[in-house]
Each structure stands twice: as C-alpha cells, then as structure tokens.
Amino acid sequence: MKMNNIRTIKGGANLKGIIKVPGDKSISHRALIIGSIAQGETTIEGFLHSEDPLSTADCLRKLGANIPNIKEDETFVISGLGLNGLKEPREILNCGNSGTTMRLLMGLLAGQEGKNFILTGDRSLNERPMGRVGKPLSLMGGKIFGRESGNKAPISIDGNKLKGCVIGTPVASAQVKSALLLAGLMASGTTTVIEPASSRDHTERMLKAFGADISIRGELGRNVVIKPGASLIGQRILIPGDISSAAFWMIAASIVPNSEVLVKNVGLNPTRTGILNVMNLMGCNYEILDKSIIAGEPIGSIKVKTAKNLRSFNIEGDILPKLIDEIPILTVAACFCNGVTEIKDAQELRVKETDRLKVMARQLRKFGAEISEKEDGLIIKGQSKFNSAEVDSETDHRVSMSLAIASLLAKGTSKILRADASSVSYPAFWEDLAKLTN
C-alpha cells in the first residue's frame, strides 16, 4: 500500500448532516466464510468493500468458493459449497493485512482432512501473534505449523480429523473464539469455548441464524457450546454499518461545537456498543431511532448533537473487548473533557496494526495534548487547547481518522501524513468528512 499522501484540515469547522458508514468489517468477513460453507444461496447486502474483507473473499475463492467479483454498494450472491466442499488450493492463501482472515481461516481449515494449506500475509500481519489460535486448535487435533514455534505466519496447516473439547482462552478475543467455533463445526463431539470476559458474538449469532447447533451458557455468556452435524442453510444478510466507524462521527459531533449528525443503520450488537456506554459516562447528547433485527444482529440509527461540559471517564476491565477499536478516537475525546481520563487494561492495543497507545500519545502531543503512557494504557488531561500540527497516521487506519477529528479542534491548519491509511476500514472517510463539514 503506498502511503505518501498528505491531507490538510482547517480547524474550526462544524459537522452537520446525515451519513451512512461502511458495513461492519467483522460481519462482512463472517458472512463470506459462513455463506461459503452453507448449503444453497446466501445474499449479502451492505458488504464492506475494503481491503481486509476482500482478502477473505480472495482466499475463499482459492478454496473453491463461488464468490462473484464484489462491487462497491452492490448486493451479491454466494452459492455455498457445504461444509466439506472446500478444495485444497493450488497456491498460497494471502491474507493481506487482515488478522481476522488469517485467524478465522486457521479454524475453518484445520479440520479439512487430507488437505494442505499455507497462509501468509503482509509484513505487519506476519509479525502478529497466531499461536493464540494455533495452540488451542492443536488441542483439538489440529496440525498447525509456523515460524517461531507456530506463533507467526507463514502458517502451514495439514487438515486433520478434529475432536471436540473444552477450551479456556487466555484472552477475550472474538477472532480466537470464532476460529475454534468454525473448527467445532468439523469436529467429532462437542466443542466448548470459555472466555475470561465475553468478546464480540457476531460468529455465534450468524452461525445460529444459518442453523448451527450452538448455545451460549455460563454467567455473562462466556461459555459457547457448538455441536457438529447440523446443516448450515444459506440466508439473506444485511450487514449493518460498523459502529467502530460510526464512532468517529458520534464522538466528533459530541466534541466539535455546533454539530449535529445522524448515522443511519448502525449495528447495535451489545458486545460492540461499549462506545455508547462511554458516551453515557461523558454526558453526550444522542438518541437511537428505527431499531430492528436482521440475521440475528440488532440495527438502528444514531443521532448525536454537540454536548457542553463533557465529563472525563475511566475505561478498564470487562468493557475493553467491546471498545478495542474505539480507544484511538476516545483518546481524542478525553482531551476535551473536564478532568483526567484513565485507560487501563489495554495492552492488547500494543499488538494491533501499530502500537496504538504509543502512536496516539505521540501524535496528539504534537497538537498540545497532555498524555502520559503506561504499560497497559494512557492517562489524559482534559480541557486541552489544540494548535495545528503536522501529524502522521503511522499507517494505522483508526489513528488516521482520529487525527482528522482532532485537527477539526485545532487552531489553524493541520497536516496528516499517510492519511489514506483510513481506506483499510473506511474508504470514503475523507469524502464523508468533506460532506459533513461543508
């Protein structure tokens, strides 16, 4: 991805208008994977046409899935292959920069008996930890090999007969859990995944909507049990707008003076709405309209107006898995609240596309933010006065968009280097920003 691009933003504009954000990335990945292994046709509308889900589509096509060429904003149909219909690919499966693609495919392919698969990614993905999926899969009988004792890609998988078992995961991670549930579809016997805190549940909801024998147990839904044998039947899926993308506008409308933004058709899955909990703590002014449920996922529109005297907030513990992608923009918000905000237990952010804690602290200080970094989080002093600066996304999509919102609150004109990193999850971000600020 070449990113020498620079965007300039004048401070002082307000945000007004109606916007639709890109489809939910997590649900887009899962719709492709589950649609490919279901029987019959799956119709997908609202798909996120961006690099990561397109990497998943590309890998699935190499495995024999019938996925047409996907065009932006167009509904498309997948003819499913059934659970045993995946083919051994002739070439290496390239997952690009997408950790979701690699981790979910590891689970999907581990139980494909007698077939061999190799997964790789770009330089950044090949440094991300994969042992957290490979190790529990090997407990089920998976044969998974990779660099650094199986912890890093390229990953080689020898498809094998899996046996269901009870697995406790050390971190609450939707990707790890999803990989194990997909493996459980192919295993003999029941697979139970027990998490330390409940993570996003898109995979469970979608598998259930397709007819899988899956149940959620235990306190706070931390035990997920899947039994093999049920047929998955193709469905019609409307992918809701990604609340992690909507979060940029929701926070921007809250902190930028004289703003009012309506974000249409946003996913309101309770494992993802941590941002709304934090907005409540801050005292933001928002309402939710037009609620409904589609393919197991709740959906609605969110209207946000500027709020005065926002309060500082603390984020720690169980809410973090519901907020992991929103921490960069919430770091910006914290600079404009009254009082001191503390983010704890967020060490997971150090192994994202970049070390997001370090990068956000480093870049926001250039505007004049007072932020100190800790091993597992940040301490942010509120009521900052931002002055224009030259900042750098450091190639991270969520950092790029967070810096854009920060620039609106800075005096003067700011420059963002490598700004088009945003296209990873939100290709039209800059056009939407222009639309709302004009």
Protein backbone atom coordinates (compact mmCIF):
# COMPACT_ATOMS: atom_id res chain seq x y z
CA MET A 1 0.00 0.00 0.00
CA LYS A 2 1.72 3.23 -0.94
CA MET A 3 1.02 5.97 1.53
CA ASN A 4 2.96 9.13 0.91
CA ASN A 5 -0.33 11.02 0.79
CA ILE A 6 -0.96 14.13 2.84
CA ARG A 7 -4.29 15.71 3.82
CA THR A 8 -4.71 19.23 5.18
CA ILE A 9 -7.53 20.10 7.58
CA LYS A 10 -8.59 23.53 8.74
CA GLY A 11 -9.68 23.73 12.35
CA GLY A 12 -12.94 25.35 13.35
CA ALA A 13 -15.50 23.70 11.03
CA ASN A 14 -18.61 22.07 12.49
CA LEU A 15 -20.31 18.84 11.37
CA LYS A 16 -23.87 18.72 10.06
CA GLY A 17 -25.74 16.11 8.04
CA ILE A 18 -26.82 12.51 7.52
CA ILE A 19 -24.28 9.80 6.86
CA LYS A 20 -24.09 6.06 6.19
CA VAL A 21 -20.91 4.43 7.40
CA PRO A 22 -19.31 1.37 5.76
CA GLY A 23 -20.66 -2.08 6.54
CA ASP A 24 -19.39 -3.80 9.67
CA LYS A 25 -16.00 -5.34 8.94
CA SER A 26 -16.36 -8.24 11.41
CA ILE A 27 -19.77 -9.22 10.00
CA SER A 28 -18.56 -8.85 6.38
CA HIS A 29 -15.76 -11.40 6.97
CA ARG A 30 -18.13 -13.84 8.65
CA ALA A 31 -20.86 -13.52 6.00
CA LEU A 32 -18.35 -14.59 3.32
CA ILE A 33 -16.97 -17.52 5.32
CA ILE A 34 -20.27 -18.91 6.61
CA GLY A 35 -22.02 -18.26 3.27
CA SER A 36 -19.27 -20.26 1.52
CA ILE A 37 -19.69 -23.36 3.74
CA ALA A 38 -23.50 -23.25 3.91
CA GLN A 39 -25.82 -25.11 1.54
CA GLY A 40 -27.72 -23.07 -1.04
CA GLU A 41 -27.53 -19.36 -1.72
CA THR A 42 -26.55 -16.55 0.62
CA THR A 43 -27.41 -12.99 -0.43
CA ILE A 44 -25.20 -10.27 1.06
CA GLU A 45 -26.12 -6.59 1.13
CA GLY A 46 -24.16 -3.74 2.76
CA PHE A 47 -20.80 -5.55 2.46
CA LEU A 48 -17.73 -3.54 3.48
CA HIS A 49 -15.82 -3.13 0.22
CA SER A 50 -12.35 -2.64 1.74
CA GLU A 51 -9.02 -4.42 1.75
CA ASP A 52 -9.49 -6.76 4.72
CA PRO A 53 -12.81 -8.40 3.76
CA LEU A 54 -11.69 -8.52 0.12
CA SER A 55 -8.65 -10.53 1.32
CA THR A 56 -11.10 -13.02 2.87
CA ALA A 57 -13.07 -13.22 -0.41
CA ASP A 58 -9.86 -13.80 -2.37
CA CYS A 59 -8.70 -16.64 -0.07
CA LEU A 60 -12.14 -18.31 -0.17
CA ARG A 61 -12.19 -18.20 -3.98
CA LYS A 62 -8.83 -20.02 -3.99
CA LEU A 63 -10.51 -22.65 -1.79
CA GLY A 64 -13.19 -23.11 -4.47
CA ALA A 65 -15.93 -20.85 -3.06
CA ASN A 66 -18.38 -19.36 -5.57
CA ILE A 67 -17.99 -15.69 -4.71
CA PRO A 68 -18.56 -13.28 -7.61
CA ASN A 69 -16.49 -10.17 -8.24
CA ILE A 70 -17.73 -7.84 -5.47
CA LYS A 71 -18.52 -4.26 -6.49
CA GLU A 72 -18.94 -1.37 -4.11
CA ASP A 73 -22.53 -0.84 -2.84
CA GLU A 74 -23.84 -3.83 -4.82
CA THR A 75 -25.72 -6.80 -3.39
CA PHE A 76 -24.23 -10.19 -4.38
CA VAL A 77 -24.97 -13.91 -4.01
CA ILE A 78 -22.69 -16.75 -2.87
CA SER A 79 -23.57 -20.34 -3.86
CA GLY A 80 -22.44 -22.32 -0.83
CA LEU A 81 -20.21 -25.41 -1.08
CA GLY A 82 -21.40 -27.14 2.10
CA LEU A 83 -19.09 -27.96 4.99
CA ASN A 84 -16.94 -30.47 3.11
CA GLY A 85 -16.84 -28.66 -0.21
CA LEU A 86 -13.64 -26.62 0.21
CA LYS A 87 -10.82 -27.62 -2.12
CA GLU A 88 -7.10 -27.84 -1.49
CA PRO A 89 -5.76 -24.63 -3.08
CA ARG A 90 -3.07 -24.64 -5.76
CA GLU A 91 -1.39 -21.60 -4.29
CA ILE A 92 -0.60 -19.89 -1.02
CA LEU A 93 -3.53 -18.06 0.61
CA ASN A 94 -2.58 -14.40 1.09
CA CYS A 95 -4.47 -12.72 3.93
CA GLY A 96 -3.02 -9.25 3.25
CA ASN A 97 -3.11 -7.14 6.43
CA SER A 98 -6.13 -8.93 7.88
CA GLY A 99 -5.70 -10.75 11.19
CA THR A 100 -9.38 -11.76 11.09
CA THR A 101 -8.90 -13.51 7.74
CA MET A 102 -5.88 -15.48 8.92
CA ARG A 103 -7.22 -16.47 12.34
CA LEU A 104 -10.70 -17.47 11.14
CA LEU A 105 -9.30 -19.46 8.20
CA MET A 106 -6.96 -21.32 10.56
CA GLY A 107 -10.07 -22.58 12.39
CA LEU A 108 -12.03 -23.28 9.21
CA LEU A 109 -9.21 -25.25 7.54
CA ALA A 110 -7.78 -27.21 10.50
CA GLY A 111 -10.50 -29.87 10.16
CA GLN A 112 -10.37 -30.28 6.36
CA GLU A 113 -8.96 -33.81 6.39
CA GLY A 114 -6.19 -34.75 3.99
CA LYS A 115 -5.77 -31.25 2.55
CA ASN A 116 -2.80 -28.93 2.96
CA PHE A 117 -2.96 -25.14 3.23
CA ILE A 118 -0.40 -22.34 3.59
CA LEU A 119 -1.45 -18.91 4.88
CA THR A 120 0.67 -15.78 4.69
CA GLY A 121 0.15 -12.03 4.91
CA ASP A 122 1.93 -8.73 4.51
CA ARG A 123 4.96 -7.87 6.62
CA SER A 124 2.91 -6.47 9.51
CA LEU A 125 0.48 -9.43 9.64
CA ASN A 126 3.35 -11.92 9.58
CA GLU A 127 4.60 -10.39 12.85
CA ARG A 128 1.25 -10.67 14.67
CA PRO A 129 0.63 -13.47 17.22
CA MET A 130 -1.06 -16.55 15.69
CA GLY A 131 -0.17 -19.08 18.39
CA ARG A 132 -3.23 -17.90 20.34
CA VAL A 133 -5.30 -19.70 17.66
CA GLY A 134 -2.83 -22.43 16.69
CA LYS A 135 -2.30 -23.76 20.23
CA PRO A 136 -5.97 -24.34 21.13
CA LEU A 137 -6.59 -25.83 17.67
CA SER A 138 -3.77 -28.32 18.29
CA LEU A 139 -5.62 -29.43 21.46
CA MET A 140 -8.47 -30.41 19.11
CA GLY A 141 -6.02 -32.37 16.93
CA GLY A 142 -5.15 -29.57 14.52
CA LYS A 143 -1.77 -29.82 12.79
CA ILE A 144 -0.59 -26.24 12.52
CA PHE A 145 2.99 -25.10 11.93
CA GLY A 146 4.63 -21.70 11.56
CA ARG A 147 7.61 -19.52 12.37
CA GLU A 148 8.67 -19.05 15.99
CA SER A 149 7.16 -22.37 17.15
CA GLY A 150 3.90 -21.84 15.28
CA ASN A 151 3.33 -18.32 16.61
CA LYS A 152 3.92 -16.40 13.37
CA ALA A 153 2.93 -16.67 9.73
CA PRO A 154 3.54 -18.04 7.17
CA ILE A 155 1.35 -20.79 8.71
CA SER A 156 1.07 -24.28 7.27
CA ILE A 157 -1.99 -26.42 8.06
CA ASP A 158 -2.32 -30.17 7.49
CA GLY A 159 -6.09 -30.75 7.62
CA ASN A 160 -6.86 -33.42 10.21
CA LYS A 161 -9.81 -35.09 11.95
CA LEU A 162 -10.59 -32.83 14.92
CA LYS A 163 -12.14 -33.84 18.21
CA GLY A 164 -14.34 -31.51 20.21
CA CYS A 165 -13.01 -30.42 23.60
CA VAL A 166 -13.37 -27.77 26.29
CA ILE A 167 -11.01 -24.86 25.72
CA GLY A 168 -10.38 -21.91 28.01
CA THR A 169 -8.92 -18.95 26.12
CA PRO A 170 -6.40 -16.75 27.98
CA VAL A 171 -7.66 -13.53 26.35
CA ALA A 172 -11.19 -12.48 25.39
CA SER A 173 -10.76 -12.44 21.62
CA ALA A 174 -13.58 -12.79 19.12
CA GLN A 175 -11.10 -13.96 16.49
CA VAL A 176 -9.78 -16.82 18.64
CA LYS A 177 -13.29 -17.84 19.72
CA SER A 178 -14.58 -17.70 16.12
CA ALA A 179 -11.71 -19.84 14.85
CA LEU A 180 -12.50 -22.51 17.47
CA LEU A 181 -16.24 -22.44 16.69
CA LEU A 182 -15.57 -22.85 12.96
CA ALA A 183 -13.26 -25.77 13.79
CA GLY A 184 -16.00 -27.17 16.02
CA LEU A 185 -18.33 -27.46 13.00
CA MET A 186 -15.94 -30.12 11.62
CA ALA A 187 -15.02 -31.85 14.90
CA SER A 188 -16.37 -35.09 16.32
CA GLY A 189 -18.21 -34.29 19.54
CA THR A 190 -19.00 -31.02 21.27
CA THR A 191 -16.64 -28.05 21.46
CA THR A 192 -16.93 -25.58 24.34
CA VAL A 193 -15.06 -22.26 24.37
CA ILE A 194 -14.76 -20.48 27.72
CA GLU A 195 -13.53 -16.87 27.71
CA PRO A 196 -12.26 -14.74 30.61
CA ALA A 197 -14.74 -12.00 29.54
CA SER A 198 -17.31 -12.15 26.74
CA SER A 199 -15.99 -10.84 23.41
CA ARG A 200 -17.95 -9.88 20.28
CA ASP A 201 -20.50 -12.54 19.36
CA HIS A 202 -21.07 -11.99 15.62
CA THR A 203 -19.97 -15.53 14.76
CA GLU A 204 -22.37 -17.14 17.24
CA ARG A 205 -25.31 -15.01 16.06
CA MET A 206 -24.64 -15.73 12.39
CA LEU A 207 -23.99 -19.46 12.85
CA LYS A 208 -27.28 -19.68 14.75
CA ALA A 209 -29.15 -17.78 12.01
CA PHE A 210 -27.72 -20.29 9.46
CA GLY A 211 -28.94 -23.24 11.58
CA ALA A 212 -25.87 -24.37 13.56
CA ASP A 213 -26.41 -26.18 16.88
CA ILE A 214 -24.87 -23.53 19.11
CA SER A 215 -25.74 -22.39 22.61
CA ILE A 216 -24.48 -19.70 24.97
CA ARG A 217 -24.13 -20.63 28.63
CA GLY A 218 -22.49 -19.58 31.85
CA GLU A 219 -22.52 -16.22 33.57
CA LEU A 220 -22.32 -13.28 31.16
CA GLY A 221 -22.41 -15.67 28.19
CA ARG A 222 -18.75 -16.59 28.46
CA ASN A 223 -19.29 -20.28 27.58
CA VAL A 224 -20.13 -21.04 23.96
CA VAL A 225 -21.01 -24.62 23.05
CA ILE A 226 -21.15 -25.92 19.47
CA LYS A 227 -22.20 -29.40 18.33
CA PRO A 228 -21.37 -30.64 14.83
CA GLY A 229 -23.90 -32.26 12.50
CA ALA A 230 -26.45 -29.52 11.83
CA SER A 231 -26.64 -28.28 8.22
CA LEU A 232 -25.93 -24.62 7.60
CA ILE A 233 -28.51 -23.18 5.19
CA GLY A 234 -27.87 -20.03 3.12
CA GLN A 235 -29.53 -16.79 4.33
CA ARG A 236 -30.19 -13.21 3.32
CA ILE A 237 -27.84 -10.89 5.21
CA LEU A 238 -27.99 -7.10 5.54
CA ILE A 239 -24.67 -6.06 7.03
CA PRO A 240 -25.19 -3.12 9.40
CA GLY A 241 -22.97 -0.03 9.42
CA ASP A 242 -19.87 -0.54 11.57
CA ILE A 243 -20.29 1.15 14.94
CA SER A 244 -16.46 1.41 15.14
CA SER A 245 -16.60 3.62 12.00
CA ALA A 246 -19.70 5.46 13.26
CA ALA A 247 -17.77 6.20 16.48
CA PHE A 248 -15.63 8.81 14.68
CA TRP A 249 -18.74 10.85 13.76
CA MET A 250 -20.51 10.21 17.08
CA ILE A 251 -17.52 11.49 19.06
CA ALA A 252 -16.81 14.29 16.57
CA ALA A 253 -20.41 15.56 16.76
CA SER A 254 -20.16 15.42 20.58
CA ILE A 255 -16.92 17.43 20.89
CA VAL A 256 -16.98 19.77 17.85
CA PRO A 257 -19.07 22.88 18.64
CA ASN A 258 -22.47 23.38 16.87
CA SER A 259 -22.61 19.90 15.33
CA GLU A 260 -25.49 17.52 14.63
CA VAL A 261 -25.02 14.21 12.78
CA LEU A 262 -27.41 11.33 12.05
CA VAL A 263 -25.68 7.99 11.30
CA LYS A 264 -28.05 5.58 9.51
CA ASN A 265 -28.38 1.77 10.00
CA VAL A 266 -25.65 1.13 12.54
CA GLY A 267 -25.06 -2.28 14.16
CA LEU A 268 -26.14 -2.21 17.80
CA ASN A 269 -24.81 -5.61 18.86
CA PRO A 270 -24.43 -5.36 22.67
CA THR A 271 -20.89 -6.78 22.51
CA ARG A 272 -19.92 -3.77 20.36
CA THR A 273 -21.76 -0.86 21.94
CA GLY A 274 -19.14 -0.08 24.59
CA ILE A 275 -18.80 3.29 22.84
CA LEU A 276 -22.39 4.16 23.86
CA ASN A 277 -21.61 3.26 27.50
CA VAL A 278 -18.64 5.64 27.43
CA MET A 279 -20.73 8.35 25.74
CA ASN A 280 -23.19 7.98 28.64
CA LEU A 281 -20.33 8.43 31.13
CA MET A 282 -19.17 11.54 29.24
CA GLY A 283 -22.68 13.02 29.15
CA CYS A 284 -23.04 13.01 25.34
CA ASN A 285 -26.30 14.06 23.73
CA TYR A 286 -27.57 11.24 21.47
CA GLU A 287 -30.65 9.15 20.68
CA ILE A 288 -31.27 5.85 18.86
CA LEU A 289 -34.02 5.67 16.20
CA ASP A 290 -35.55 2.96 13.91
CA LYS A 291 -34.43 -0.22 15.71
CA SER A 292 -34.76 -3.68 14.08
CA ILE A 293 -33.06 -7.16 13.93
CA ILE A 294 -31.61 -8.78 10.77
CA ALA A 295 -29.74 -12.17 10.56
CA GLY A 296 -29.52 -12.13 14.35
CA GLU A 297 -27.98 -8.63 14.52
CA PRO A 298 -29.70 -5.59 16.08
CA ILE A 299 -29.56 -2.40 13.99
CA GLY A 300 -30.67 1.27 14.35
CA SER A 301 -29.83 4.90 13.51
CA ILE A 302 -27.96 7.17 15.93
CA LYS A 303 -28.45 10.94 16.15
CA VAL A 304 -25.79 12.96 18.02
CA LYS A 305 -25.65 16.66 18.90
CA THR A 306 -22.84 18.66 20.49
CA ALA A 307 -22.79 18.41 24.29
CA LYS A 308 -21.34 21.02 26.63
CA ASN A 309 -19.22 20.22 29.70
CA LEU A 310 -18.34 16.65 28.85
CA ARG A 311 -17.03 14.60 31.79
CA SER A 312 -13.78 12.65 31.89
CA PHE A 313 -14.11 8.85 32.07
CA ASN A 314 -12.21 5.73 33.06
CA ILE A 315 -12.04 2.62 30.90
CA GLU A 316 -10.85 -0.70 32.32
CA GLY A 317 -11.67 -4.37 32.73
CA ASP A 318 -14.55 -6.14 31.01
CA ILE A 319 -15.66 -3.25 28.81
CA LEU A 320 -12.34 -3.21 26.91
CA PRO A 321 -13.09 -6.02 24.43
CA LYS A 322 -16.24 -4.03 23.46
CA LEU A 323 -14.18 -0.91 22.82
CA ILE A 324 -10.85 -2.02 21.43
CA ASP A 325 -11.20 -0.18 18.08
CA GLU A 326 -12.69 2.96 19.63
CA ILE A 327 -9.79 3.71 22.02
CA PRO A 328 -7.97 5.98 19.49
CA ILE A 329 -10.97 8.29 18.96
CA LEU A 330 -11.84 8.18 22.69
CA THR A 331 -8.29 9.33 23.41
CA VAL A 332 -9.09 12.42 21.30
CA ALA A 333 -12.41 12.89 23.14
CA ALA A 334 -10.65 12.71 26.53
CA CYS A 335 -8.53 15.75 25.60
CA PHE A 336 -11.74 17.85 25.52
CA CYS A 337 -13.48 16.54 28.65
CA ASN A 338 -13.33 18.12 32.10
CA GLY A 339 -10.87 16.33 34.38
CA VAL A 340 -8.44 13.44 33.93
CA THR A 341 -9.29 10.30 31.93
CA GLU A 342 -7.57 6.98 32.51
CA ILE A 343 -7.49 3.98 30.17
CA LYS A 344 -6.27 0.71 31.76
CA ASP A 345 -6.02 -2.98 30.81
CA ALA A 346 -5.50 -2.03 27.16
CA GLN A 347 -2.20 -3.84 26.48
CA GLU A 348 -3.95 -5.65 23.56
CA LEU A 349 -3.71 -2.33 21.65
CA ARG A 350 0.06 -2.67 21.53
CA VAL A 351 -0.24 -5.58 19.07
CA LYS A 352 -2.78 -4.06 16.64
CA GLU A 353 -1.82 -2.64 13.21
CA THR A 354 0.54 -0.41 15.21
CA ASP A 355 1.18 0.06 18.92
CA ARG A 356 -1.93 2.26 19.14
CA LEU A 357 -1.27 3.52 22.68
CA LYS A 358 2.19 4.77 21.80
CA VAL A 359 1.15 6.20 18.43
CA MET A 360 -1.89 8.11 19.74
CA ALA A 361 0.13 9.57 22.62
CA ARG A 362 2.99 10.56 20.32
CA GLN A 363 0.78 12.19 17.68
CA LEU A 364 -1.73 14.00 19.93
CA ARG A 365 1.11 15.58 21.93
CA LYS A 366 2.04 17.43 18.72
CA PHE A 367 -1.30 19.29 18.95
CA GLY A 368 -0.61 20.10 22.62
CA ALA A 369 -2.39 17.21 24.37
CA GLU A 370 -1.16 16.20 27.82
CA ILE A 371 -0.96 12.40 27.71
CA SER A 372 1.23 10.02 29.67
CA GLU A 373 1.67 6.41 28.67
CA LYS A 374 1.57 3.39 30.98
CA GLU A 375 2.33 -0.25 30.25
CA ASP A 376 -1.38 -1.05 29.84
CA GLY A 377 -2.92 2.30 28.98
CA LEU A 378 -2.94 6.10 28.99
CA ILE A 379 -3.61 9.00 31.36
CA ILE A 380 -5.08 12.02 29.56
CA LYS A 381 -5.56 15.51 30.98
CA GLY A 382 -8.71 17.19 29.70
CA GLN A 383 -9.55 20.73 28.55
CA SER A 384 -6.68 20.85 26.08
CA LYS A 385 -6.17 23.74 23.71
CA PHE A 386 -5.06 22.23 20.40
CA ASN A 387 -2.84 24.12 17.94
CA SER A 388 -2.36 22.96 14.37
CA ALA A 389 0.40 20.42 13.79
CA GLU A 390 1.89 18.03 11.27
CA VAL A 391 0.92 14.54 12.37
CA ASP A 392 1.31 11.04 10.94
CA SER A 393 -1.10 8.08 10.89
CA GLU A 394 1.97 5.79 11.07
CA THR A 395 -0.06 3.65 8.58
CA ASP A 396 -2.88 2.82 11.06
CA HIS A 397 -6.43 3.38 9.73
CA ARG A 398 -8.04 4.21 13.09
CA VAL A 399 -5.21 6.58 14.00
CA SER A 400 -5.58 8.42 10.68
CA MET A 401 -9.31 9.07 11.22
CA SER A 402 -8.82 10.02 14.89
CA LEU A 403 -6.20 12.60 13.90
CA ALA A 404 -8.62 14.05 11.34
CA ILE A 405 -11.21 14.68 14.07
CA ALA A 406 -8.52 16.08 16.37
CA SER A 407 -7.49 18.52 13.59
CA LEU A 408 -11.01 19.99 13.49
CA LEU A 409 -10.48 21.13 17.09
CA ALA A 410 -7.03 22.62 16.47
CA LYS A 411 -6.41 26.30 15.81
CA GLY A 412 -5.05 26.76 12.29
CA THR A 413 -4.46 24.23 9.50
CA SER A 414 -3.06 20.78 10.27
CA LYS A 415 -1.39 18.25 8.01
CA ILE A 416 -1.90 14.49 8.28
CA LEU A 417 0.79 12.35 6.65
CA ARG A 418 -0.08 8.90 5.27
CA ALA A 419 -3.72 9.90 5.69
CA ASP A 420 -5.14 7.31 3.29
CA ALA A 421 -4.43 4.53 5.77
CA SER A 422 -8.12 5.11 6.57
CA SER A 423 -9.07 3.13 3.44
CA VAL A 424 -8.41 -0.14 5.29
CA SER A 425 -11.79 0.12 7.05
CA TYR A 426 -13.41 3.30 5.68
CA PRO A 427 -12.54 4.03 2.03
CA ALA A 428 -14.89 7.06 1.77
CA PHE A 429 -13.87 8.66 5.07
CA TRP A 430 -12.39 11.85 3.57
CA GLU A 431 -15.36 12.41 1.24
CA ASP A 432 -17.75 11.95 4.17
CA LEU A 433 -15.72 14.39 6.27
CA ALA A 434 -15.92 16.96 3.45
CA LYS A 435 -19.68 16.36 3.12
CA LEU A 436 -20.32 16.90 6.85
CA THR A 437 -18.07 19.96 7.21
CA ASN A 438 -19.40 21.90 4.19
